Protein backbone atom coordinates (compact mmCIF):
# COMPACT_ATOMS: atom_id res chain seq x y z
CA MET A 1 0.18 0.20 0.21
CA THR A 2 0.94 3.40 -0.86
CA THR A 3 2.17 5.88 1.87
CA LEU A 4 3.63 9.44 2.38
CA THR A 5 5.68 11.14 4.64
CA TYR A 6 5.80 14.54 5.80
CA CYS A 7 8.17 16.66 7.50
CA LYS A 8 8.95 19.48 9.02
CA GLY A 9 11.38 21.34 11.93
CA LEU A 10 9.69 20.59 15.66
CA PRO A 11 8.37 24.33 16.85
CA THR A 12 9.70 25.50 19.80
CA PRO A 13 6.95 27.91 21.23
CA ILE A 14 8.34 30.37 23.90
CA ASP A 15 6.00 29.58 26.82
CA GLU A 16 7.30 26.08 26.69
CA LEU A 17 11.12 27.38 26.95
CA THR A 18 13.45 26.32 29.96
CA PRO A 19 16.07 28.20 31.24
CA LEU A 20 18.34 25.90 29.32
CA GLY A 21 16.49 27.38 26.17
CA LEU A 22 15.11 24.23 25.10
CA THR A 23 11.42 22.79 25.43
CA SER A 24 10.96 20.47 27.70
CA PHE A 25 9.81 18.49 24.86
CA GLU A 26 13.17 18.63 23.45
CA LEU A 27 14.93 17.24 26.74
CA PHE A 28 12.51 14.27 27.08
CA LEU A 29 13.12 13.52 23.64
CA ALA A 30 17.07 13.96 23.45
CA ASP A 31 17.14 11.30 26.83
CA TYR A 32 14.31 9.27 25.22
CA ALA A 33 16.54 8.88 22.51
CA ALA A 34 20.22 7.95 24.63
CA LEU A 35 18.22 5.07 25.63
CA SER A 36 16.52 4.35 22.51
CA TYR A 37 19.93 4.48 20.58
CA GLY A 38 21.23 1.62 23.28
CA ALA A 39 18.64 -0.88 22.35
CA THR A 40 18.99 0.19 18.77
CA ILE A 41 22.43 -0.87 18.99
CA GLU A 42 21.70 -3.88 21.25
CA THR A 43 19.00 -5.05 18.84
CA VAL A 44 20.93 -4.74 15.17
CA ASN A 45 23.87 -7.09 17.02
CA HIS A 46 21.17 -9.52 18.05
CA LEU A 47 19.77 -9.24 14.78
CA LEU A 48 23.30 -9.91 13.02
CA GLU A 49 24.22 -12.52 15.46
CA VAL A 50 21.22 -14.78 15.64
CA GLU A 51 19.64 -13.71 11.34
CA SER A 52 16.27 -16.41 11.00
CA GLN A 53 16.61 -17.67 14.98
CA PHE A 54 15.27 -14.38 15.47
CA ASP A 55 12.48 -14.19 17.77
CA LYS A 56 10.52 -11.29 17.86
CA SER A 57 8.29 -11.54 21.02
CA LYS A 58 11.11 -13.06 23.43
CA TRP A 59 13.33 -9.57 22.29
CA ASN A 60 10.67 -7.34 23.02
CA THR A 61 9.97 -8.57 26.53
CA TYR A 62 13.59 -8.15 26.70
CA LEU A 63 13.61 -4.89 25.88
CA GLN A 64 10.83 -3.78 28.05
CA LYS A 65 12.89 -5.49 31.27
CA LYS A 66 16.18 -4.67 30.61
CA TYR A 67 15.41 -0.77 29.66
CA GLY A 68 12.20 -0.16 31.53
CA ILE A 69 9.97 0.86 28.24
CA SER A 70 6.12 -0.68 27.28
CA LYS A 71 5.60 -2.94 24.55
CA ARG A 72 4.94 -0.10 22.32
CA HIS A 73 8.32 1.81 23.05
CA ALA A 74 10.17 -1.62 22.06
CA GLY A 75 8.42 -2.19 18.94
CA GLY A 76 9.38 1.06 17.68
CA MET A 77 13.17 0.22 18.63
CA LEU A 78 12.86 -3.42 16.82
CA ALA A 79 10.97 -1.63 14.07
CA LEU A 80 13.89 0.97 13.44
CA SER A 81 16.61 -1.80 13.79
CA SER A 82 15.07 -4.22 11.73
CA SER A 83 14.84 -1.52 8.97
CA LYS A 84 18.29 -0.78 9.50
CA VAL A 85 19.41 -4.47 9.31
CA GLU A 86 17.59 -4.98 5.78
CA SER A 87 18.46 -1.78 4.54
CA ALA A 88 22.24 -2.46 4.84
CA LYS A 89 21.91 -5.94 3.63
CA VAL A 90 19.93 -4.67 0.32
CA CYS A 91 22.87 -1.66 0.51
CA ILE A 92 25.68 -4.61 0.43
CA ILE A 93 24.16 -6.26 -2.33
CA ASN A 94 23.86 -4.06 -4.95
CA HIS A 95 27.07 -2.62 -4.03
CA ILE A 96 28.22 -5.87 -5.12
CA LYS A 97 26.33 -6.44 -8.42
CA GLN A 98 27.44 -2.85 -9.11
CA LEU A 99 30.96 -3.68 -8.62
CA GLU A 100 30.34 -6.91 -11.11
CA SER A 101 29.09 -4.94 -13.75
CA LYS A 102 32.01 -2.41 -13.56
CA LEU A 103 33.94 -5.67 -13.61
CA LYS A 104 31.86 -7.18 -16.53
CA SER A 105 32.35 -3.69 -18.24
CA ALA A 106 36.10 -3.26 -18.08
CA ASN A 107 37.01 -6.71 -18.82
CA LYS A 108 34.71 -6.02 -22.38
CA SER A 109 37.01 -3.20 -22.85
CA LEU A 110 40.52 -5.11 -22.19
CA GLU A 111 39.41 -8.06 -24.67
CA LYS A 112 38.57 -4.96 -27.03
CA ALA A 113 41.26 -3.14 -27.07
CA GLU A 114 43.76 -6.47 -26.92
CA LYS A 115 41.98 -7.68 -29.88
CA LYS A 116 42.51 -4.77 -31.87
CA LEU A 117 45.91 -3.96 -31.24
CA LYS A 118 46.41 -8.09 -32.25
CA LEU A 119 45.26 -7.28 -35.52
CA ALA A 120 46.81 -4.29 -35.90
CA ARG A 121 50.30 -6.34 -35.36
CA LYS A 122 48.80 -8.81 -37.50
CA PHE A 123 48.20 -6.63 -40.72
CA TYR A 124 52.01 -4.50 -40.19
CA ALA A 125 54.05 -8.29 -39.78
CA LYS A 126 52.63 -8.58 -43.44
CA LYS A 127 55.44 -7.97 -46.14
CA ASN A 128 52.83 -6.42 -48.80
CA TRP A 129 50.82 -4.44 -45.93
CA HIS A 130 51.04 -1.10 -48.02
CA HIS A 131 49.43 -2.87 -51.32
CA SER A 132 46.53 -3.83 -48.78
CA GLN A 133 42.89 -2.64 -50.33
CA THR A 134 40.84 -2.86 -46.59
CA GLY A 135 43.71 -1.17 -44.55
CA CYS A 136 44.44 -0.90 -40.70
CA ASN A 137 41.74 -1.50 -38.07
CA PHE A 138 44.18 0.78 -36.63
CA PRO A 139 46.67 2.30 -38.15
CA LEU A 140 50.30 3.29 -36.31
CA SER A 141 50.85 6.90 -35.53
CA THR A 142 52.82 9.29 -33.73
CA SER A 143 51.90 12.45 -31.91
CA LEU A 144 53.87 15.88 -33.01
CA THR A 145 53.67 16.61 -29.13
CA THR A 146 54.47 13.91 -26.75
CA LYS A 147 56.65 11.90 -30.10
CA LYS A 148 54.88 8.88 -28.84
CA THR A 149 52.75 6.79 -31.03
CA ASN A 150 49.17 5.92 -30.37
CA TRP A 151 49.81 2.23 -30.07
CA TYR A 152 51.78 3.05 -27.15
CA HIS A 153 48.88 4.95 -25.22
CA THR A 154 46.93 2.04 -25.77
CA ARG A 155 49.31 -0.38 -24.02
CA PHE A 156 49.59 2.01 -21.34
CA ASN A 157 45.40 2.27 -21.08
CA LEU A 158 45.53 -1.69 -20.76
CA HIS A 159 48.38 -1.68 -18.43
CA HIS A 160 46.45 0.16 -16.20
CA LYS A 161 43.13 -1.38 -17.36
CA LYS A 162 44.22 -4.73 -15.66
CA ARG A 163 45.46 -2.72 -12.38
CA TYR A 164 41.74 -1.57 -12.37
CA ILE A 165 40.66 -5.07 -13.04
CA TYR A 166 42.48 -6.37 -10.53
CA LYS A 167 41.54 -3.70 -7.80
CA LEU A 168 37.59 -4.70 -8.75
CA ASN A 169 38.34 -8.93 -8.35
CA ARG A 170 39.57 -8.10 -4.98
CA GLN A 171 37.40 -5.18 -3.65
CA ILE A 172 34.40 -7.97 -3.99
CA ALA A 173 35.85 -10.76 -2.95
CA ALA A 174 36.37 -8.46 0.81
CA LEU A 175 33.05 -7.50 0.62
CA LYS A 176 31.46 -10.89 -0.40
CA LEU A 177 33.25 -12.29 3.15
CA ALA A 178 33.18 -8.89 5.02
CA PRO A 179 30.57 -8.73 8.00
CA ILE A 180 27.63 -6.43 7.49
CA LYS A 181 27.99 -3.25 9.02
CA VAL A 182 24.94 -1.32 10.40
CA LYS A 183 25.20 2.48 10.91
CA VAL A 184 22.69 3.72 14.41
CA PRO A 185 22.87 6.90 14.48
CA ARG A 186 22.26 9.28 17.66
CA GLY A 187 19.51 11.38 18.43
CA GLU A 188 16.18 9.18 16.43
CA VAL A 189 13.10 7.81 18.05
CA PHE A 190 10.86 5.79 16.20
CA ILE A 191 7.06 4.83 17.41
CA VAL A 192 4.93 2.99 15.06
CA GLY A 193 1.12 3.09 14.78
CA SER A 194 -1.56 1.56 14.38
CA LYS A 195 -4.95 2.08 12.78
CA ASP A 196 -6.60 0.40 15.62
CA GLU A 197 -5.60 2.92 18.21
CA SER A 198 -7.14 6.05 18.35
CA PHE A 199 -5.07 9.36 16.42
CA GLY A 200 -3.58 6.58 14.76
CA ASN A 201 -1.09 5.87 17.62
CA GLN A 202 -1.21 4.46 21.15
CA THR A 203 2.31 6.41 22.01
CA CYS A 204 1.75 9.25 20.31
CA GLN A 205 -0.57 10.76 19.49
CA TRP A 206 -1.68 14.54 17.60
CA ASP A 207 -4.78 15.89 17.43
CA GLY A 208 -3.89 18.36 14.48
CA ASN A 209 -1.89 20.73 17.05
CA ILE A 210 -1.16 19.15 20.52
CA VAL A 211 1.01 15.98 20.31
CA LYS A 212 0.86 14.05 23.10
CA PHE A 213 3.66 11.10 23.96
CA ARG A 214 3.69 8.76 26.34
CA VAL A 215 6.68 8.78 28.38
CA PRO A 216 8.12 5.73 29.04
CA TYR A 217 8.10 4.05 32.71
CA CYS A 218 12.18 4.64 33.28
CA LEU A 219 11.76 8.21 32.67
CA GLU A 220 8.48 8.81 34.49
CA SER A 221 9.47 10.29 37.47
CA LYS A 222 11.98 13.48 35.46
CA TYR A 223 9.01 13.96 33.13
CA GLY A 224 5.53 12.47 34.68
CA LYS A 225 3.44 10.24 32.75
CA TYR A 226 2.77 12.03 29.70
CA ILE A 227 4.79 14.81 27.85
CA CYS A 228 2.69 17.28 25.36
CA SER A 229 3.62 20.22 23.31
CA LYS A 230 2.10 22.75 20.40
CA LEU A 231 3.48 20.57 16.90
CA GLY A 232 0.97 22.66 14.61
CA ASN A 233 -0.69 21.23 11.12
CA PHE A 234 1.74 19.85 7.95
CA GLU A 235 1.08 22.90 5.62
CA ARG A 236 0.39 21.37 2.46
CA ASN A 237 -0.58 22.72 -1.22
CA ILE A 238 -2.74 19.93 -1.29
CA ASN A 239 -3.14 17.77 2.02
CA ARG A 240 -3.66 14.21 1.98
CA LEU A 241 -2.88 13.36 5.95
CA PRO A 242 -6.07 11.86 6.94
CA ASP A 243 -8.03 12.14 10.50
CA ASN A 244 -7.90 8.25 11.04
CA GLY A 245 -5.50 5.55 9.74
CA ALA A 246 -2.35 4.79 11.70
CA LYS A 247 0.05 7.63 11.80
CA THR A 248 4.18 6.20 12.05
CA TRP A 249 6.12 8.90 14.12
CA HIS A 250 9.75 10.03 13.77
CA PHE A 251 11.71 12.22 15.66
CA TYR A 252 15.28 13.16 14.53
CA ARG A 253 18.27 15.51 14.51
CA GLN A 254 18.99 17.36 11.66
CA ASP A 255 21.00 20.67 11.35
CA ASN A 256 21.38 21.18 15.18
CA ARG A 257 17.42 20.84 15.97
CA TRP A 258 14.98 18.28 15.69
CA ALA A 259 12.83 17.67 13.26
CA VAL A 260 9.48 15.41 13.06
CA ALA A 261 8.20 13.04 10.23
CA VAL A 262 4.77 11.47 10.09
CA GLN A 263 4.17 8.27 7.91
CA PHE A 264 0.48 7.72 7.08
CA THR A 265 -1.53 5.82 4.62
CA PRO A 266 -2.96 9.24 2.03
CA SER A 267 -6.87 9.81 1.74
CA PRO A 268 -8.02 8.92 -1.47
CA VAL A 269 -8.49 12.10 -4.16
CA ASN A 270 -10.85 12.51 -6.70
CA LYS A 271 -9.52 11.34 -10.20
CA ILE A 272 -9.50 13.75 -12.82
CA SER A 273 -7.94 11.69 -15.88
CA LYS A 274 -10.19 9.55 -18.09
CA PRO A 275 -8.82 6.20 -18.96
CA VAL A 276 -6.22 5.86 -21.66
CA GLU A 277 -8.29 4.43 -24.64
CA TYR A 278 -10.07 7.98 -24.09
CA GLY A 279 -6.58 9.62 -25.40
CA CYS A 280 -3.11 10.21 -23.15
CA ILE A 281 -0.33 12.35 -23.36
CA GLY A 282 3.18 10.81 -24.12
CA ILE A 283 6.46 12.17 -22.50
CA ASP A 284 10.09 11.87 -23.19
CA LEU A 285 12.72 12.50 -20.98
CA ASN A 286 16.01 14.34 -21.93
CA PRO A 287 19.11 15.70 -20.90
CA GLY A 288 17.90 19.27 -22.36
CA SER A 289 14.04 19.04 -22.91
CA ILE A 290 10.63 17.00 -22.33
CA GLY A 291 8.91 16.51 -25.62
CA TRP A 292 5.12 16.22 -25.10
CA ALA A 293 2.79 15.14 -27.55
CA TYR A 294 -1.38 14.43 -26.71
CA VAL A 295 -3.54 12.09 -28.65
CA ASP A 296 -6.98 11.36 -29.21
CA PHE A 297 -8.67 8.41 -28.86
CA GLN A 298 -7.71 7.50 -32.37
CA GLY A 299 -4.58 7.93 -31.33
CA ASN A 300 -4.17 10.85 -34.08
CA LEU A 301 -1.97 13.55 -32.70
CA LYS A 302 -3.61 16.49 -31.56
CA ALA A 303 -0.99 19.13 -29.85
CA SER A 304 2.55 18.63 -28.89
CA GLY A 305 5.14 21.17 -27.52
CA SER A 306 8.25 20.92 -25.69
CA ILE A 307 9.31 21.97 -21.85
CA PRO A 308 12.49 23.03 -21.37
CA TYR A 309 14.75 21.03 -18.92
CA HIS A 310 18.15 21.53 -17.91
CA SER A 311 20.38 18.88 -16.28
CA GLY A 312 23.45 18.96 -13.85
CA LEU A 313 22.34 21.50 -11.74
CA PRO A 314 23.24 21.88 -8.05
CA LYS A 315 20.51 19.98 -6.53
CA VAL A 316 18.13 22.77 -4.95
CA LYS A 317 18.12 24.17 -8.31
CA GLN A 318 17.57 20.97 -10.08
CA ASP A 319 14.66 20.22 -7.95
CA ALA A 320 13.48 23.57 -8.33
CA THR A 321 13.53 23.07 -12.37
CA ILE A 322 12.16 19.55 -11.93
CA VAL A 323 9.21 20.57 -9.78
CA ASP A 324 8.45 23.72 -12.03
CA ALA A 325 8.18 21.16 -15.10
CA CYS A 326 6.08 18.03 -13.31
CA LEU A 327 3.56 21.00 -12.50
CA GLN A 328 2.89 22.08 -16.34
CA LEU A 329 2.38 18.84 -17.43
CA ALA A 330 0.37 18.33 -14.69
CA ILE A 331 -1.74 21.34 -16.02
CA LEU A 332 -1.53 20.06 -19.66
CA ALA A 333 -2.96 16.59 -17.56
CA ASP A 334 -5.36 18.29 -15.97
CA THR A 335 -6.78 20.54 -19.35
CA LYS A 336 -6.87 17.38 -21.43
CA ALA A 337 -8.52 15.28 -18.41
CA CYS A 338 -6.01 12.58 -19.72
CA PRO A 339 -3.41 9.83 -18.32
CA ILE A 340 0.43 10.39 -18.63
CA VAL A 341 2.50 7.78 -20.19
CA CYS A 342 5.97 7.52 -19.89
CA GLU A 343 9.60 5.25 -20.41
CA SER A 344 10.54 2.69 -17.65
CA LEU A 345 14.30 3.05 -18.01
CA ASP A 346 17.09 1.65 -15.95
CA PHE A 347 20.35 3.39 -16.00
CA ALA A 348 22.03 1.43 -13.54
CA ALA A 349 23.47 -0.71 -16.32
CA LYS A 350 25.16 2.10 -18.39
CA THR A 351 26.49 3.91 -15.03
CA THR A 352 28.27 1.23 -14.41
CA GLN A 353 29.92 1.90 -17.99
CA LEU A 354 31.59 5.69 -17.67
CA ARG A 355 34.25 4.82 -17.16
CA GLU A 356 34.98 3.23 -20.79
CA LYS A 357 32.86 5.98 -22.23
CA GLY A 358 33.82 9.70 -23.36
CA ARG A 359 33.90 12.47 -20.59
CA LYS A 360 30.90 14.21 -22.21
CA TYR A 361 28.39 11.11 -22.22
CA ALA A 362 29.61 10.47 -18.63
CA ARG A 363 28.86 13.88 -17.63
CA MET A 364 26.05 14.24 -19.33
CA LEU A 365 24.40 10.79 -17.42
CA SER A 366 26.00 11.50 -14.37
CA GLY A 367 24.45 14.82 -14.05
CA TRP A 368 20.98 13.98 -15.51
CA ALA A 369 18.41 13.61 -12.67
CA TYR A 370 16.24 11.02 -14.35
CA SER A 371 15.14 8.43 -11.41
CA ARG A 372 14.03 11.99 -9.56
CA PHE A 373 12.24 13.21 -12.08
CA TYR A 374 9.62 10.44 -12.11
CA GLN A 375 10.03 10.34 -8.21
CA LEU A 376 8.46 13.82 -8.07
CA LEU A 377 6.19 13.49 -11.38
CA LYS A 378 4.50 10.56 -9.82
CA SER A 379 3.83 12.90 -6.66
CA ILE A 380 2.77 15.55 -8.12
CA LEU A 381 0.19 13.75 -10.64
CA SER A 382 -0.71 11.54 -7.67
CA ASN A 383 -2.01 14.46 -5.23
CA ARG A 384 -4.14 16.08 -8.42
CA GLY A 385 -5.48 12.37 -9.06
CA ILE A 386 -4.16 11.59 -12.98
CA GLN A 387 -2.71 8.69 -13.59
CA LEU A 388 0.82 7.82 -14.49
CA ILE A 389 1.52 4.89 -16.63
CA ASN A 390 4.80 3.03 -17.66
CA ILE A 391 5.05 1.55 -20.88
CA ASN A 392 7.97 -0.74 -22.58
CA PRO A 393 10.53 2.28 -24.28
CA ALA A 394 12.07 -0.72 -26.89
CA TYR A 395 12.27 1.32 -30.18
CA THR A 396 10.26 4.14 -29.49
CA SER A 397 13.18 6.84 -30.52
CA LEU A 398 13.31 4.83 -33.49
CA ILE A 399 9.66 4.90 -34.80
CA GLY A 400 9.41 8.66 -33.91
CA LEU A 401 12.17 9.49 -36.10
CA VAL A 402 11.51 7.37 -38.69
CA LYS A 403 7.37 7.43 -39.10
CA TYR A 404 6.73 10.97 -37.52
CA ALA A 405 9.44 13.48 -37.51
CA ARG A 406 9.28 14.48 -40.85
CA MET A 407 5.65 14.02 -41.07
CA TYR A 408 4.89 16.38 -38.76
CA GLY A 409 7.68 18.46 -38.80
CA MET A 410 8.69 17.70 -35.13
CA SER A 411 11.55 17.69 -33.47
CA SER A 412 12.66 14.30 -32.03
CA ASP A 413 11.74 14.10 -28.56
CA VAL A 414 8.42 15.30 -29.25
CA ALA A 415 8.19 12.32 -32.24
CA ALA A 416 8.84 10.25 -29.65
CA ALA A 417 6.76 10.72 -27.28
CA LEU A 418 3.89 10.64 -29.81
CA ALA A 419 5.02 6.92 -30.04
CA ILE A 420 5.13 6.49 -26.50
CA ALA A 421 1.83 8.03 -26.45
CA ARG A 422 0.47 5.44 -28.66
CA ARG A 423 2.07 2.64 -26.84
CA GLY A 424 0.24 3.74 -23.87
CA MET A 425 -3.52 3.26 -25.80
CA ASN A 426 -1.55 -0.25 -27.31
CA LEU A 427 -1.69 0.88 -30.63
CA SER A 428 0.49 -1.27 -32.95
CA GLU A 429 3.58 0.62 -35.17
CA ARG A 430 3.78 -1.47 -38.42
CA LEU A 431 6.63 -0.73 -40.95
CA PRO A 432 5.63 -0.29 -44.81
CA ARG A 433 5.69 -3.96 -46.10
CA SER A 434 7.51 -2.98 -48.86
CA VAL A 435 10.51 -2.50 -46.44
CA SER A 436 9.39 -5.50 -43.97
CA ALA A 437 9.71 -7.47 -47.76
CA TYR A 438 13.32 -6.23 -48.63
CA LEU A 439 14.18 -6.46 -44.90
CA GLY A 440 13.67 -10.40 -45.23
CA VAL A 441 11.01 -9.87 -42.09
CA ASN A 442 8.64 -12.90 -40.87
CA SER A 443 5.67 -11.43 -40.79
CA ARG A 444 4.51 -13.88 -38.21
CA LYS A 445 7.11 -12.49 -36.14
CA HIS A 446 6.28 -9.90 -33.53
CA VAL A 447 6.52 -6.25 -35.00
CA TRP A 448 9.14 -5.58 -33.22
CA SER A 449 11.06 -7.89 -34.70
CA ALA A 450 10.58 -5.72 -37.70
CA LEU A 451 11.72 -2.29 -36.06
CA HIS A 452 14.74 -4.79 -34.99
CA GLN A 453 15.89 -5.70 -38.38
CA LEU A 454 15.54 -1.83 -39.52
CA ASN A 455 17.69 -0.78 -36.57
CA ILE A 456 20.77 -2.98 -37.99
CA PHE A 457 19.71 -1.95 -41.06
CA ILE A 458 20.38 1.74 -39.97
CA GLY A 459 23.47 1.09 -38.32
CA GLN A 460 25.00 -0.80 -41.29
CA CYS A 461 23.32 1.66 -44.61
CA GLY A 462 25.84 4.68 -43.83
CA VAL A 463 23.28 6.68 -45.23
CA VAL A 464 21.82 7.63 -41.65
CA ASN A 465 25.03 9.26 -39.41
CA ARG A 466 23.59 11.19 -37.19
CA ARG A 467 20.02 12.10 -36.05
CA HIS A 468 19.42 15.33 -38.63
CA ASP A 469 19.92 12.39 -41.35
CA TYR A 470 16.63 10.76 -40.46
CA TYR A 471 14.66 14.09 -42.16
CA HIS A 472 16.54 14.10 -45.39
CA ILE A 473 14.33 10.42 -45.94
CA SER A 474 11.22 10.84 -47.39
CA ASN A 475 10.96 7.40 -48.59
CA TRP A 476 12.59 4.96 -46.17
CA ALA A 477 10.74 1.93 -48.48
CA GLU A 478 13.13 3.44 -51.68
CA LEU A 479 16.52 3.94 -49.60
CA VAL A 480 15.80 -0.07 -48.06
CA LYS A 481 15.22 -1.14 -51.96
CA VAL A 482 18.51 0.74 -52.75
CA VAL A 483 20.57 -0.29 -50.25
CA VAL A 484 19.88 -3.81 -50.17
CA GLU A 485 19.84 -4.54 -54.08
CA SER A 486 23.50 -2.64 -54.43
CA GLN A 487 24.51 -5.01 -51.31
CA ASP A 488 22.93 -8.09 -53.15
CA ARG A 489 24.57 -7.28 -56.56
CA ALA A 490 28.22 -6.37 -54.87
CA PRO A 491 30.72 -8.56 -56.19
CA SER A 492 32.02 -11.18 -53.82
CA LYS A 493 36.05 -11.00 -53.32
CA ARG A 494 38.23 -14.03 -55.05
CA LYS A 495 39.82 -16.13 -53.36
CA ARG A 496 43.60 -16.69 -54.26
């Protein structure tokens, strides 16, 4: 079930301040956090020791007796400890997977470079290499500045690539054998809520303004049975915090002050978007812009445009840019009363190959807040009752460039957005029969088989070398026919 979390700084009313300059509630949180810190560390160590043999009920009783707390207090400490242990396990697994992907990419790059160098040496070892018609795949050249050959630089890079691979192997082996380490910060209080209790929590109850906290037994002599403080409300433009339902509270120290977070199941909102069969808006995210296209119930283009989007900015400015773009998309979807369709991409594999890519590509991909954009877009659309649909991104850019870019005179991102919108409506994108026939595509196979063959053809034909070349081709069937027939007429090499 989807949950939301609202956060705010803990207020410090003047009438609650003590001579120490802190409120009584802050002093209580400091004492309770110290108690929770010791119990959490002990619980984490116990979880790492026993693993699957952990008895939650017995350990809860043990914490109650040792630290002088109630069952609800111990339950919050158990939930906090188990979540930290599970998070540490998932993080170490993801770290190992990332290193293994980097190792795979490095080995592939090393093998490719060694093969290229080997073939070049084999070529220059021939007596009549200067009469060769094909030429060398890696011709020898010398830099006038450094007075060193490109082969020297390649061997130098190979040497460091092997050192890098050796380091990765050692690091992966060490991580697989190393014990799991869990970081438990100081200054943290966690109270689990329950939907069966009044105000969604038995220990920490909030009526919209005043928070009432049940003090543990060991601190009753100092603070009494209950301690109260003015918390105020969580101001939001669209507040989905319900009056009923479970509310889990988390008090923590941030920037030398206390902050509070409440986790809850959001109240439902009125659905604005109609079913996708009545039309939708497709979006295509790029590092420089966001292309969008609105299609009607028949899949025909009705409106399109592009929203400026700058990547690689500092975190605060980047979030502001993303929120502004998401609000513009929300207004478009609200005006059209339709859902938004987007691609479901994962750049985890590509980010592990940045060492083998160019600096420009690595800088672009590292500064592109792709996942952050869709995280904020999903949150903003969910608050406004607009549906967000994820689709398979296979060949959407190719379809947009081949079928729609020249037809409607639109940019590549808007053309891809049109293809994404049509796929969200389960509309097929078939190539002309003449193109499929010359490419040798089996008509019984999936339509993506023809797109795969066309993608291979574009990479080999030599006519399309950059994105702008797609706009020069008015008839793909004629181009495929000419290239395929010329390849068939080409004489085969004669063996001697």
